[in-house]
Amino acid sequence: MPRSAPAPLVVVGDTLLDTDVEGRASRLAPDAPAPVLDVTDEHHRPGGAGLAAVLAARARPDGATQREIVLVTALGEDPADARVRELLAPHLTLVELPLHGTVPVKTRMCAEGRPLLRVDRGGGVVGEPTEAVHEALAGAHAVLVADYGRGVAERLRGHLADLAGHTPLVWDPHPHGAPPVPGARLVTPSAAEAAALSPPDPADPSAHRDGETGSLHGHGRRGAALATAWRSAAVAVTLGRRGAVLARPGDAAPLYFPAEQEAEGDPCGAGDCFASAAALALADGALPEEATHEAVRRAGVFVATGGVRNPDLWQGTPGTPGRPPQPDRGLRDARALAAAVRGRGGTVVATGGCFDLLHAGHVGMLQNARRTGDCLIVCLNSDVSVRRLKGDGRPITPQADRISVLAGLDCVDAVAVFDENTPERLLRELRPDVWVKGGDYGTSRLPEAAALEEWGGRTLLLPYLDGRSTTALARRAAVTRRSDPHGAEQSP
């Protein structure tokens, strides 16, 4: 029998209509020292709680049983409100409170992607909740409150307080909104919001309200103080490109979750992405620490893949916007790097292998290989390739982890993955000047040597440190485990 869909995640909060007016600004107005924006395009999207709900809906993993997303928000009868309903309809179930007025509209004037000016208009008074609102909240498996200080969260405060005692509840606060209800599982202020919502920290005078500076300990102290004041289980203070700090009430040692990648791009909506990812993780049974880690990852990917400007967010299949970069990104980066180094007359160096358990022999060889040229590209056997070459049980370390470890070395400039037994096809794409191999290979035993000769590349052999090999490490680990009288894995 097919599994029934899991109970919904209910998003509660104020929805806005965000409009980006795009154009070029290459001249000043003749009657004032102001830039003239020649408009080329205009985009509309739901903002506030509406964006958070769409991001939750779009984050459903491919092939998984879908969790329904229900948005409880206030909308009026203005054309802007009708546009919001139209934008939300394909993604989620909408349950409305009456709004006496119009949905707030925020319009950004952008020149070649850079904001010049924002114009705000609209707003209204939130009316009494309907029976449909009560039913939606009663059926929630988890709740995300995306509070933008415009009345929805405050109108439903009593219902949310009742839910917090038995339902995972994430609260994304706003300086103009009320404090989170007691019992929230996780509260997610930005560093600027945390600073605005808490008294100044005399122990951290360097902290500013832009969210990018200030010590991690200072952010952690504010998070712990806010968790105590709000009587929440935990507070995750988001730090933009720096990641997030998670603190519990009175916590003297908060946890820091650094961003997993440099995410350059428009950060608009990153906070909503963080909060929705954390709420989905808690709905699936994660602890606040696990939810924060996942939220930092997804927010980084969101910004790196275009943020709210990513067309896949509104048109693609569910799961696309939150999906990590595809495996061929490494190949694209390696190609671009090789072309750039060659273009300035430099020497492109490549090496390859499984690198299953990275050991001192690998690191020494990679460092020496990097010294022979101007960049080092590692051609990495995929999991399929390693299994074919080494047999069942290998690789010990999965491909994604091997890429992460190699990319973290200062001597490695790019990592590209190949599925074949040898990297000949990949080498023909990269065309390195030098191909380095470690170990006891002889040139005649390297099938890729003939390929290198096609463009005048040469092979260089660098030995590993004596006695270092993945097989030897695995064998010693197996012997150590068998010699353990308790037969249990030992913690490091």
Protein backbone atom coordinates (compact mmCIF):
# COMPACT_ATOMS: atom_id res chain seq x y z
CA MET A 1 0.00 0.00 0.00
CA PRO A 2 1.33 3.50 -0.75
CA ARG A 3 2.38 5.54 2.23
CA SER A 4 0.08 8.36 3.21
CA ALA A 5 1.51 11.86 2.93
CA PRO A 6 3.02 13.14 6.19
CA ALA A 7 1.17 15.77 8.18
CA PRO A 8 1.72 19.31 6.89
CA LEU A 9 4.21 21.98 7.80
CA VAL A 10 2.16 25.11 8.48
CA VAL A 11 3.78 28.47 7.80
CA VAL A 12 2.21 31.40 9.65
CA GLY A 13 3.00 35.03 8.99
CA ASP A 14 2.77 38.18 6.93
CA THR A 15 2.97 37.82 3.16
CA LEU A 16 4.23 40.65 0.98
CA LEU A 17 4.45 41.25 -2.75
CA ASP A 18 8.05 41.82 -3.81
CA THR A 19 8.65 43.52 -7.15
CA ASP A 20 12.00 43.95 -8.88
CA VAL A 21 12.09 46.60 -11.60
CA GLU A 22 15.20 45.83 -13.69
CA GLY A 23 16.99 48.19 -16.01
CA ARG A 24 20.11 50.13 -16.90
CA ALA A 25 21.26 53.39 -15.33
CA SER A 26 23.87 55.00 -17.56
CA ARG A 27 22.88 58.66 -17.29
CA LEU A 28 21.66 61.31 -14.86
CA ALA A 29 18.35 63.16 -15.09
CA PRO A 30 18.74 66.63 -16.61
CA ASP A 31 16.67 68.25 -13.85
CA ALA A 32 18.23 66.55 -10.80
CA PRO A 33 21.42 64.71 -9.79
CA ALA A 34 19.58 61.37 -9.88
CA PRO A 35 20.19 58.30 -12.06
CA VAL A 36 17.69 57.53 -14.80
CA LEU A 37 16.60 53.88 -14.85
CA ASP A 38 15.78 52.63 -18.34
CA VAL A 39 13.44 49.75 -17.46
CA THR A 40 13.98 46.45 -19.28
CA ASP A 41 11.98 44.00 -17.17
CA GLU A 42 9.77 43.61 -14.11
CA HIS A 43 9.43 40.57 -11.83
CA HIS A 44 6.87 39.83 -9.09
CA ARG A 45 7.16 37.21 -6.35
CA PRO A 46 5.66 36.54 -2.92
CA GLY A 47 7.75 37.86 -0.06
CA GLY A 48 7.82 37.43 3.69
CA ALA A 49 5.95 34.37 4.92
CA GLY A 50 4.87 33.69 1.34
CA LEU A 51 8.48 33.29 0.22
CA ALA A 52 9.31 31.11 3.24
CA ALA A 53 6.38 28.83 2.41
CA VAL A 54 7.34 28.58 -1.27
CA LEU A 55 10.93 27.73 -0.31
CA ALA A 56 9.64 24.99 1.99
CA ALA A 57 7.46 23.61 -0.80
CA ARG A 58 10.30 23.72 -3.35
CA ALA A 59 12.70 21.94 -1.00
CA ARG A 60 10.89 18.60 -1.20
CA PRO A 61 13.44 15.92 -2.17
CA ASP A 62 12.83 14.22 -5.49
CA GLY A 63 11.14 10.85 -5.04
CA ALA A 64 10.22 11.46 -1.41
CA THR A 65 6.73 11.38 -0.02
CA GLN A 66 5.71 15.01 -0.17
CA ARG A 67 4.88 16.94 2.97
CA GLU A 68 2.07 19.38 2.31
CA ILE A 69 2.91 23.04 2.95
CA VAL A 70 0.06 25.17 4.28
CA LEU A 71 0.41 28.94 4.44
CA VAL A 72 -1.74 30.83 6.94
CA THR A 73 -1.58 34.52 6.07
CA ALA A 74 -3.69 37.67 5.64
CA LEU A 75 -4.73 38.93 2.21
CA GLY A 76 -7.09 41.66 1.04
CA GLU A 77 -8.98 42.35 -2.17
CA ASP A 78 -6.57 44.65 -4.00
CA PRO A 79 -5.04 43.66 -7.38
CA ALA A 80 -1.73 43.20 -5.56
CA ASP A 81 -3.40 40.63 -3.27
CA ALA A 82 -4.82 38.83 -6.29
CA ARG A 83 -1.33 38.69 -7.79
CA VAL A 84 0.00 37.12 -4.57
CA ARG A 85 -2.70 34.44 -4.65
CA GLU A 86 -1.83 33.68 -8.26
CA LEU A 87 1.89 33.35 -7.45
CA LEU A 88 1.31 31.10 -4.42
CA ALA A 89 -1.29 28.76 -5.90
CA PRO A 90 1.03 26.35 -7.75
CA HIS A 91 3.17 25.67 -4.69
CA LEU A 92 1.06 25.28 -1.55
CA THR A 93 -2.29 25.31 0.21
CA LEU A 94 -3.38 28.83 1.12
CA VAL A 95 -5.53 29.53 4.20
CA GLU A 96 -6.45 33.19 4.61
CA LEU A 97 -7.21 35.58 7.40
CA PRO A 98 -9.10 38.69 6.29
CA LEU A 99 -6.96 41.77 5.71
CA HIS A 100 -8.63 45.18 5.99
CA GLY A 101 -6.40 46.98 3.54
CA THR A 102 -3.92 45.67 0.99
CA VAL A 103 -0.93 43.37 1.05
CA PRO A 104 2.33 45.32 1.59
CA VAL A 105 4.22 45.85 -1.69
CA LYS A 106 8.00 46.33 -1.72
CA THR A 107 9.44 47.50 -5.03
CA ARG A 108 13.18 47.43 -5.67
CA MET A 109 14.59 49.54 -8.50
CA CYS A 110 17.65 47.67 -9.75
CA ALA A 111 20.33 48.69 -12.24
CA GLU A 112 22.05 45.62 -13.70
CA GLY A 113 21.09 43.62 -10.62
CA ARG A 114 22.15 46.23 -8.05
CA PRO A 115 19.41 47.92 -6.00
CA LEU A 116 19.18 51.71 -6.38
CA LEU A 117 16.02 52.39 -4.39
CA ARG A 118 13.20 50.59 -2.58
CA VAL A 119 9.63 51.88 -2.49
CA ASP A 120 7.19 50.49 0.11
CA ARG A 121 3.41 50.88 0.02
CA GLY A 122 0.29 49.11 1.20
CA GLY A 123 -0.57 47.38 4.45
CA GLY A 124 -3.64 46.85 6.55
CA VAL A 125 -5.20 45.44 9.70
CA VAL A 126 -5.47 41.66 10.17
CA GLY A 127 -8.97 40.43 10.96
CA GLU A 128 -10.23 37.57 13.13
CA PRO A 129 -9.12 34.02 12.25
CA THR A 130 -11.63 31.84 10.45
CA GLU A 131 -12.55 28.25 11.21
CA ALA A 132 -10.28 27.16 8.36
CA VAL A 133 -7.35 28.82 10.14
CA HIS A 134 -8.14 26.95 13.37
CA GLU A 135 -8.31 23.65 11.48
CA ALA A 136 -5.02 24.28 9.68
CA LEU A 137 -3.20 24.98 12.94
CA ALA A 138 -4.78 21.98 14.67
CA GLY A 139 -3.56 19.66 11.90
CA ALA A 140 0.03 20.94 11.83
CA HIS A 141 2.91 18.51 12.28
CA ALA A 142 5.28 21.46 12.63
CA VAL A 143 4.90 25.24 12.46
CA LEU A 144 7.10 27.99 11.06
CA VAL A 145 6.22 31.52 12.14
CA ALA A 146 7.65 34.01 9.63
CA ASP A 147 6.85 37.19 11.53
CA TYR A 148 7.28 40.46 9.64
CA GLY A 149 5.62 42.53 12.35
CA ARG A 150 2.42 43.24 10.42
CA GLY A 151 -0.11 41.48 12.62
CA VAL A 152 -0.66 37.84 11.60
CA ALA A 153 1.54 36.27 14.30
CA GLU A 154 0.16 38.59 16.94
CA ARG A 155 -3.44 37.80 15.91
CA LEU A 156 -2.75 34.05 16.29
CA ARG A 157 -0.48 34.31 19.33
CA GLY A 158 -2.74 32.36 21.68
CA HIS A 159 -3.10 29.45 19.24
CA LEU A 160 0.65 29.40 18.61
CA ALA A 161 1.40 29.37 22.34
CA ASP A 162 -0.84 26.32 22.75
CA LEU A 163 0.92 24.53 19.86
CA ALA A 164 4.44 25.24 21.18
CA GLY A 165 3.95 22.83 24.06
CA HIS A 166 3.63 19.76 21.82
CA THR A 167 4.49 20.73 18.22
CA PRO A 168 7.92 21.65 16.77
CA LEU A 169 7.72 25.41 16.28
CA VAL A 170 10.31 27.63 14.57
CA TRP A 171 9.95 31.38 14.99
CA ASP A 172 11.68 33.81 12.62
CA PRO A 173 11.34 37.11 14.54
CA HIS A 174 11.25 40.72 13.43
CA PRO A 175 12.19 43.82 15.48
CA HIS A 176 8.72 45.26 14.80
CA GLY A 177 6.96 42.07 15.88
CA ALA A 178 6.14 40.57 19.26
CA PRO A 179 8.55 38.19 21.00
CA PRO A 180 8.27 34.49 20.17
CA VAL A 181 5.83 32.48 22.24
CA PRO A 182 7.41 30.49 25.09
CA GLY A 183 8.32 26.93 24.19
CA ALA A 184 9.48 27.55 20.62
CA ARG A 185 11.85 24.77 19.53
CA LEU A 186 14.09 27.17 17.57
CA VAL A 187 14.17 30.96 17.03
CA THR A 188 16.16 32.27 14.05
CA PRO A 189 17.03 35.99 14.28
CA SER A 190 19.73 37.47 12.08
CA ALA A 191 22.71 39.04 13.84
CA ALA A 192 21.23 42.48 13.24
CA GLU A 193 17.83 41.39 14.61
CA ALA A 194 19.46 39.73 17.64
CA ALA A 195 21.35 42.96 18.36
CA ALA A 196 18.16 45.03 17.99
CA LEU A 197 16.14 42.67 20.19
CA SER A 198 18.70 42.43 23.02
CA PRO A 199 20.53 45.04 25.10
CA PRO A 200 24.07 46.07 24.05
CA ASP A 201 26.80 43.61 25.01
CA PRO A 202 29.55 45.52 26.89
CA ALA A 203 31.84 42.49 26.56
CA ASP A 204 31.69 42.72 22.74
CA PRO A 205 32.04 46.37 21.71
CA SER A 206 33.10 45.35 18.18
CA ALA A 207 29.65 43.94 17.36
CA HIS A 208 27.75 45.91 14.73
CA ARG A 209 24.21 45.55 13.55
CA ASP A 210 25.01 44.63 9.95
CA GLY A 211 25.32 40.94 10.76
CA GLU A 212 28.80 40.59 9.25
CA THR A 213 31.02 41.63 12.15
CA GLY A 214 31.25 41.04 15.86
CA SER A 215 32.78 38.09 17.65
CA LEU A 216 31.22 34.64 17.52
CA HIS A 217 31.21 34.58 21.33
CA GLY A 218 29.29 37.87 21.34
CA HIS A 219 26.67 36.50 18.96
CA GLY A 220 26.49 33.36 21.08
CA ARG A 221 26.00 35.33 24.29
CA ARG A 222 23.17 37.31 22.72
CA GLY A 223 21.60 34.09 21.45
CA ALA A 224 21.77 32.49 24.91
CA ALA A 225 20.34 35.62 26.56
CA LEU A 226 17.48 35.76 24.07
CA ALA A 227 16.76 32.04 24.51
CA THR A 228 16.46 32.65 28.26
CA ALA A 229 14.27 35.73 27.85
CA TRP A 230 12.03 34.05 25.27
CA ARG A 231 11.97 30.67 27.09
CA SER A 232 12.81 28.94 23.82
CA ALA A 233 14.69 25.67 23.51
CA ALA A 234 17.36 27.23 21.28
CA VAL A 235 18.22 30.35 19.29
CA ALA A 236 20.16 30.23 16.01
CA VAL A 237 21.69 33.62 15.23
CA THR A 238 22.28 33.75 11.48
CA LEU A 239 25.48 35.47 10.33
CA GLY A 240 25.07 35.70 6.57
CA ARG A 241 28.09 34.32 4.75
CA ARG A 242 29.70 33.38 8.08
CA GLY A 243 27.04 30.75 8.92
CA ALA A 244 25.16 30.65 12.23
CA VAL A 245 25.65 30.33 15.99
CA LEU A 246 23.31 28.08 18.00
CA ALA A 247 22.77 28.77 21.70
CA ARG A 248 20.51 27.44 24.43
CA PRO A 249 19.30 29.28 27.57
CA GLY A 250 22.30 30.17 29.70
CA ASP A 251 24.63 28.43 27.26
CA ALA A 252 28.30 29.25 27.96
CA ALA A 253 29.55 27.30 24.93
CA PRO A 254 27.34 27.91 21.88
CA LEU A 255 27.86 25.90 18.71
CA TYR A 256 29.20 27.57 15.57
CA PHE A 257 28.09 26.31 12.14
CA PRO A 258 30.29 27.86 9.43
CA ALA A 259 29.00 28.20 5.90
CA GLU A 260 30.10 25.25 3.76
CA GLN A 261 30.81 27.36 0.68
CA GLU A 262 31.54 30.92 -0.35
CA ALA A 263 28.15 32.14 -1.53
CA GLU A 264 28.43 35.31 -3.57
CA GLY A 265 25.11 36.70 -4.72
CA ASP A 266 21.97 38.53 -3.69
CA PRO A 267 21.21 37.47 -0.07
CA CYS A 268 17.56 38.55 -0.35
CA GLY A 269 15.45 35.68 1.03
CA ALA A 270 18.36 33.80 2.62
CA GLY A 271 16.86 34.23 6.10
CA ASP A 272 13.54 32.82 4.89
CA CYS A 273 15.40 29.90 3.32
CA PHE A 274 17.25 29.27 6.59
CA ALA A 275 14.06 29.29 8.66
CA SER A 276 12.09 27.07 6.26
CA ALA A 277 14.95 24.54 6.02
CA ALA A 278 15.22 24.39 9.82
CA ALA A 279 11.46 23.91 10.17
CA LEU A 280 11.44 21.07 7.61
CA ALA A 281 14.33 19.37 9.38
CA LEU A 282 12.59 19.60 12.78
CA ALA A 283 9.40 18.28 11.19
CA ASP A 284 11.39 15.24 10.06
CA GLY A 285 12.63 14.60 13.60
CA ALA A 286 15.96 16.43 13.60
CA LEU A 287 17.47 17.98 16.71
CA PRO A 288 18.01 21.77 16.74
CA GLU A 289 21.73 21.19 16.10
CA GLU A 290 20.98 19.05 13.05
CA ALA A 291 18.33 21.49 11.84
CA THR A 292 20.75 24.42 12.11
CA HIS A 293 23.45 22.56 10.19
CA GLU A 294 21.00 21.74 7.39
CA ALA A 295 19.64 25.30 7.35
CA VAL A 296 23.13 26.80 6.97
CA ARG A 297 23.83 24.42 4.08
CA ARG A 298 20.59 25.12 2.25
CA ALA A 299 20.83 28.89 2.70
CA GLY A 300 24.35 28.83 1.23
CA VAL A 301 23.21 26.82 -1.78
CA PHE A 302 20.20 29.12 -2.19
CA VAL A 303 22.37 32.23 -2.46
CA ALA A 304 25.02 30.52 -4.61
CA THR A 305 22.42 29.35 -7.14
CA GLY A 306 20.83 32.76 -7.65
CA GLY A 307 18.54 33.17 -4.65
CA VAL A 308 15.12 34.62 -5.40
CA ARG A 309 16.33 35.41 -8.93
CA ASN A 310 16.81 31.72 -9.73
CA PRO A 311 14.06 30.90 -12.28
CA ASP A 312 14.03 27.26 -11.13
CA LEU A 313 12.60 28.46 -7.82
CA TRP A 314 9.40 29.43 -9.59
CA GLN A 315 9.36 27.15 -12.65
CA GLY A 316 11.51 24.07 -11.99
CA THR A 317 10.70 20.78 -10.35
CA PRO A 318 10.47 20.53 -6.55
CA GLY A 319 13.84 20.14 -4.95
CA THR A 320 15.80 22.05 -7.60
CA PRO A 321 16.57 25.31 -5.74
CA GLY A 322 17.89 23.54 -2.64
CA ARG A 323 19.86 20.89 -4.46
CA PRO A 324 23.65 21.11 -4.11
CA PRO A 325 25.67 22.00 -7.20
CA GLN A 326 25.65 19.15 -9.71
CA PRO A 327 28.73 16.88 -10.03
CA ASP A 328 29.77 18.39 -13.38
CA ARG A 329 30.38 21.72 -11.66
CA GLY A 330 33.81 20.41 -10.62
CA LEU A 331 34.60 19.65 -14.25
CA ARG A 332 33.42 23.11 -15.35
CA ASP A 333 35.59 24.74 -12.69
CA ALA A 334 38.60 22.61 -13.67
CA ARG A 335 38.16 23.45 -17.37
CA ALA A 336 37.91 27.16 -16.62
CA LEU A 337 40.95 27.03 -14.35
CA ALA A 338 43.07 25.17 -16.93
CA ALA A 339 42.06 27.61 -19.66
CA ALA A 340 42.83 30.63 -17.48
CA VAL A 341 46.27 29.35 -16.44
CA ARG A 342 47.17 28.44 -20.02
CA GLY A 343 45.92 31.80 -21.22
CA ARG A 344 48.45 33.64 -19.07
CA GLY A 345 51.28 31.31 -20.06
CA GLY A 346 51.28 29.20 -16.91
CA THR A 347 51.79 25.46 -16.40
CA VAL A 348 48.74 23.27 -15.75
CA VAL A 349 49.48 20.27 -13.53
CA ALA A 350 47.07 17.37 -12.99
CA THR A 351 47.18 14.20 -10.95
CA GLY A 352 44.68 11.44 -10.35
CA GLY A 353 43.63 8.57 -8.15
CA CYS A 354 41.07 7.24 -5.72
CA PHE A 355 42.35 9.07 -2.62
CA ASP A 356 40.10 6.81 -0.56
CA LEU A 357 41.80 7.38 2.79
CA LEU A 358 43.87 10.51 2.44
CA HIS A 359 47.21 9.87 4.17
CA ALA A 360 50.59 11.59 4.57
CA GLY A 361 51.88 10.01 1.36
CA HIS A 362 49.01 11.53 -0.62
CA VAL A 363 49.48 14.97 0.94
CA GLY A 364 53.23 15.00 0.34
CA MET A 365 52.76 13.97 -3.29
CA LEU A 366 50.04 16.60 -3.86
CA GLN A 367 52.18 19.35 -2.32
CA ASN A 368 55.14 18.40 -4.48
CA ALA A 369 52.94 18.18 -7.58
CA ARG A 370 51.62 21.71 -6.98
CA ARG A 371 55.18 23.02 -6.81
CA THR A 372 55.84 21.85 -10.37
CA GLY A 373 53.37 24.30 -11.97
CA ASP A 374 50.88 27.12 -11.51
CA CYS A 375 47.78 25.12 -10.60
CA LEU A 376 46.93 21.54 -9.56
CA ILE A 377 43.80 19.74 -10.75
CA VAL A 378 42.97 16.40 -9.12
CA CYS A 379 41.21 13.87 -11.38
CA LEU A 380 39.25 11.74 -8.90
CA ASN A 381 37.87 8.23 -9.49
CA SER A 382 34.12 8.23 -8.83
CA ASP A 383 32.58 5.75 -6.39
CA VAL A 384 31.54 3.58 -9.35
CA SER A 385 35.06 3.63 -10.73
CA VAL A 386 36.67 2.80 -7.39
CA ARG A 387 34.29 -0.10 -6.81
CA ARG A 388 35.04 -1.46 -10.27
CA LEU A 389 38.80 -1.25 -9.70
CA LYS A 390 39.04 -2.15 -6.00
CA GLY A 391 36.05 -4.45 -5.46
CA ASP A 392 33.14 -4.51 -3.03
CA GLY A 393 33.72 -2.61 0.19
CA ARG A 394 35.50 0.21 -1.58
CA PRO A 395 35.57 3.12 -1.51
CA ILE A 396 35.74 3.40 2.25
CA THR A 397 35.13 7.15 1.96
CA PRO A 398 32.27 8.24 -0.36
CA GLN A 399 32.91 10.50 -3.31
CA ALA A 400 31.42 13.68 -1.83
CA ASP A 401 33.62 13.38 1.26
CA ARG A 402 36.73 12.68 -0.82
CA ILE A 403 36.03 15.79 -2.91
CA SER A 404 35.55 17.88 0.23
CA VAL A 405 38.81 16.69 1.83
CA LEU A 406 40.87 17.22 -1.33
CA ALA A 407 39.34 20.63 -2.05
CA GLY A 408 40.21 21.67 1.50
CA LEU A 409 43.96 21.31 0.83
CA ASP A 410 45.76 24.55 -0.04
CA CYS A 411 47.78 22.75 -2.71
CA VAL A 412 44.66 21.59 -4.64
CA ASP A 413 43.05 24.16 -6.95
CA ALA A 414 40.22 22.05 -8.46
CA VAL A 415 38.77 18.52 -8.33
CA ALA A 416 37.13 16.81 -11.33
CA VAL A 417 35.48 13.37 -11.15
CA PHE A 418 35.58 10.62 -13.79
CA ASP A 419 33.65 7.33 -14.01
CA GLU A 420 35.97 5.32 -16.29
CA ASN A 421 38.85 3.10 -15.17
CA THR A 422 41.40 5.69 -16.33
CA PRO A 423 41.16 9.48 -16.70
CA GLU A 424 42.14 9.57 -20.38
CA ARG A 425 38.86 11.18 -21.52
CA LEU A 426 39.06 13.77 -18.76
CA LEU A 427 42.69 14.53 -19.53
CA ARG A 428 41.83 15.18 -23.17
CA GLU A 429 39.37 17.83 -21.96
CA LEU A 430 41.79 19.44 -19.50
CA ARG A 431 45.02 18.99 -21.58
CA PRO A 432 47.45 19.46 -18.66
CA ASP A 433 51.10 20.28 -19.32
CA VAL A 434 52.23 17.91 -16.57
CA TRP A 435 50.60 14.66 -15.41
CA VAL A 436 51.85 13.59 -11.98
CA LYS A 437 51.48 10.08 -10.60
CA GLY A 438 52.45 8.94 -7.15
CA GLY A 439 53.65 5.51 -6.08
CA ASP A 440 55.81 2.96 -7.87
CA TYR A 441 54.36 3.31 -11.38
CA GLY A 442 56.59 3.14 -14.42
CA THR A 443 55.78 5.30 -17.41
CA SER A 444 55.12 2.26 -19.57
CA ARG A 445 52.39 1.17 -17.16
CA LEU A 446 50.43 4.42 -17.46
CA PRO A 447 47.73 4.16 -20.15
CA GLU A 448 47.24 7.93 -20.02
CA ALA A 449 50.88 8.58 -21.08
CA ALA A 450 49.99 8.11 -24.75
CA ALA A 451 47.13 10.60 -24.45
CA LEU A 452 49.46 13.23 -22.98
CA GLU A 453 51.76 12.97 -25.98
CA GLU A 454 48.90 14.15 -28.23
CA TRP A 455 49.32 17.75 -27.01
CA GLY A 456 52.92 17.61 -25.82
CA GLY A 457 52.20 16.92 -22.15
CA ARG A 458 54.66 15.03 -20.04
CA THR A 459 54.43 12.53 -17.20
CA LEU A 460 56.17 13.06 -13.87
CA LEU A 461 56.49 10.35 -11.21
CA LEU A 462 56.61 11.32 -7.55
CA PRO A 463 56.99 8.58 -4.91
CA TYR A 464 54.76 8.30 -1.86
CA LEU A 465 56.31 8.22 1.58
CA ASP A 466 57.46 4.69 2.22
CA GLY A 467 54.89 2.40 3.83
CA ARG A 468 51.91 4.73 3.35
CA SER A 469 48.96 3.36 1.39
CA THR A 470 45.19 3.17 1.72
CA THR A 471 45.32 -0.63 1.70
CA ALA A 472 47.90 -0.66 4.51
CA LEU A 473 45.85 1.79 6.58
CA ALA A 474 42.67 -0.26 6.10
CA ARG A 475 44.52 -3.47 7.00
CA ARG A 476 45.93 -1.96 10.21
CA ALA A 477 42.47 -0.66 11.15
CA ALA A 478 41.00 -4.13 10.65
CA VAL A 479 43.73 -5.73 12.77
CA THR A 480 43.21 -3.16 15.52
CA ARG A 481 39.47 -3.84 15.57
CA ARG A 482 39.99 -7.60 15.78
CA SER A 483 42.42 -7.13 18.67
CA ASP A 484 39.91 -5.08 20.65
CA PRO A 485 38.82 -7.43 23.44
CA HIS A 486 35.44 -5.70 23.75
CA GLY A 487 34.76 -5.89 19.99
CA ALA A 488 33.44 -2.33 19.92
CA GLU A 489 34.42 0.74 18.04
CA GLN A 490 36.49 3.11 20.12
CA SER A 491 35.93 6.84 20.16
CA PRO A 492 38.93 8.94 19.10
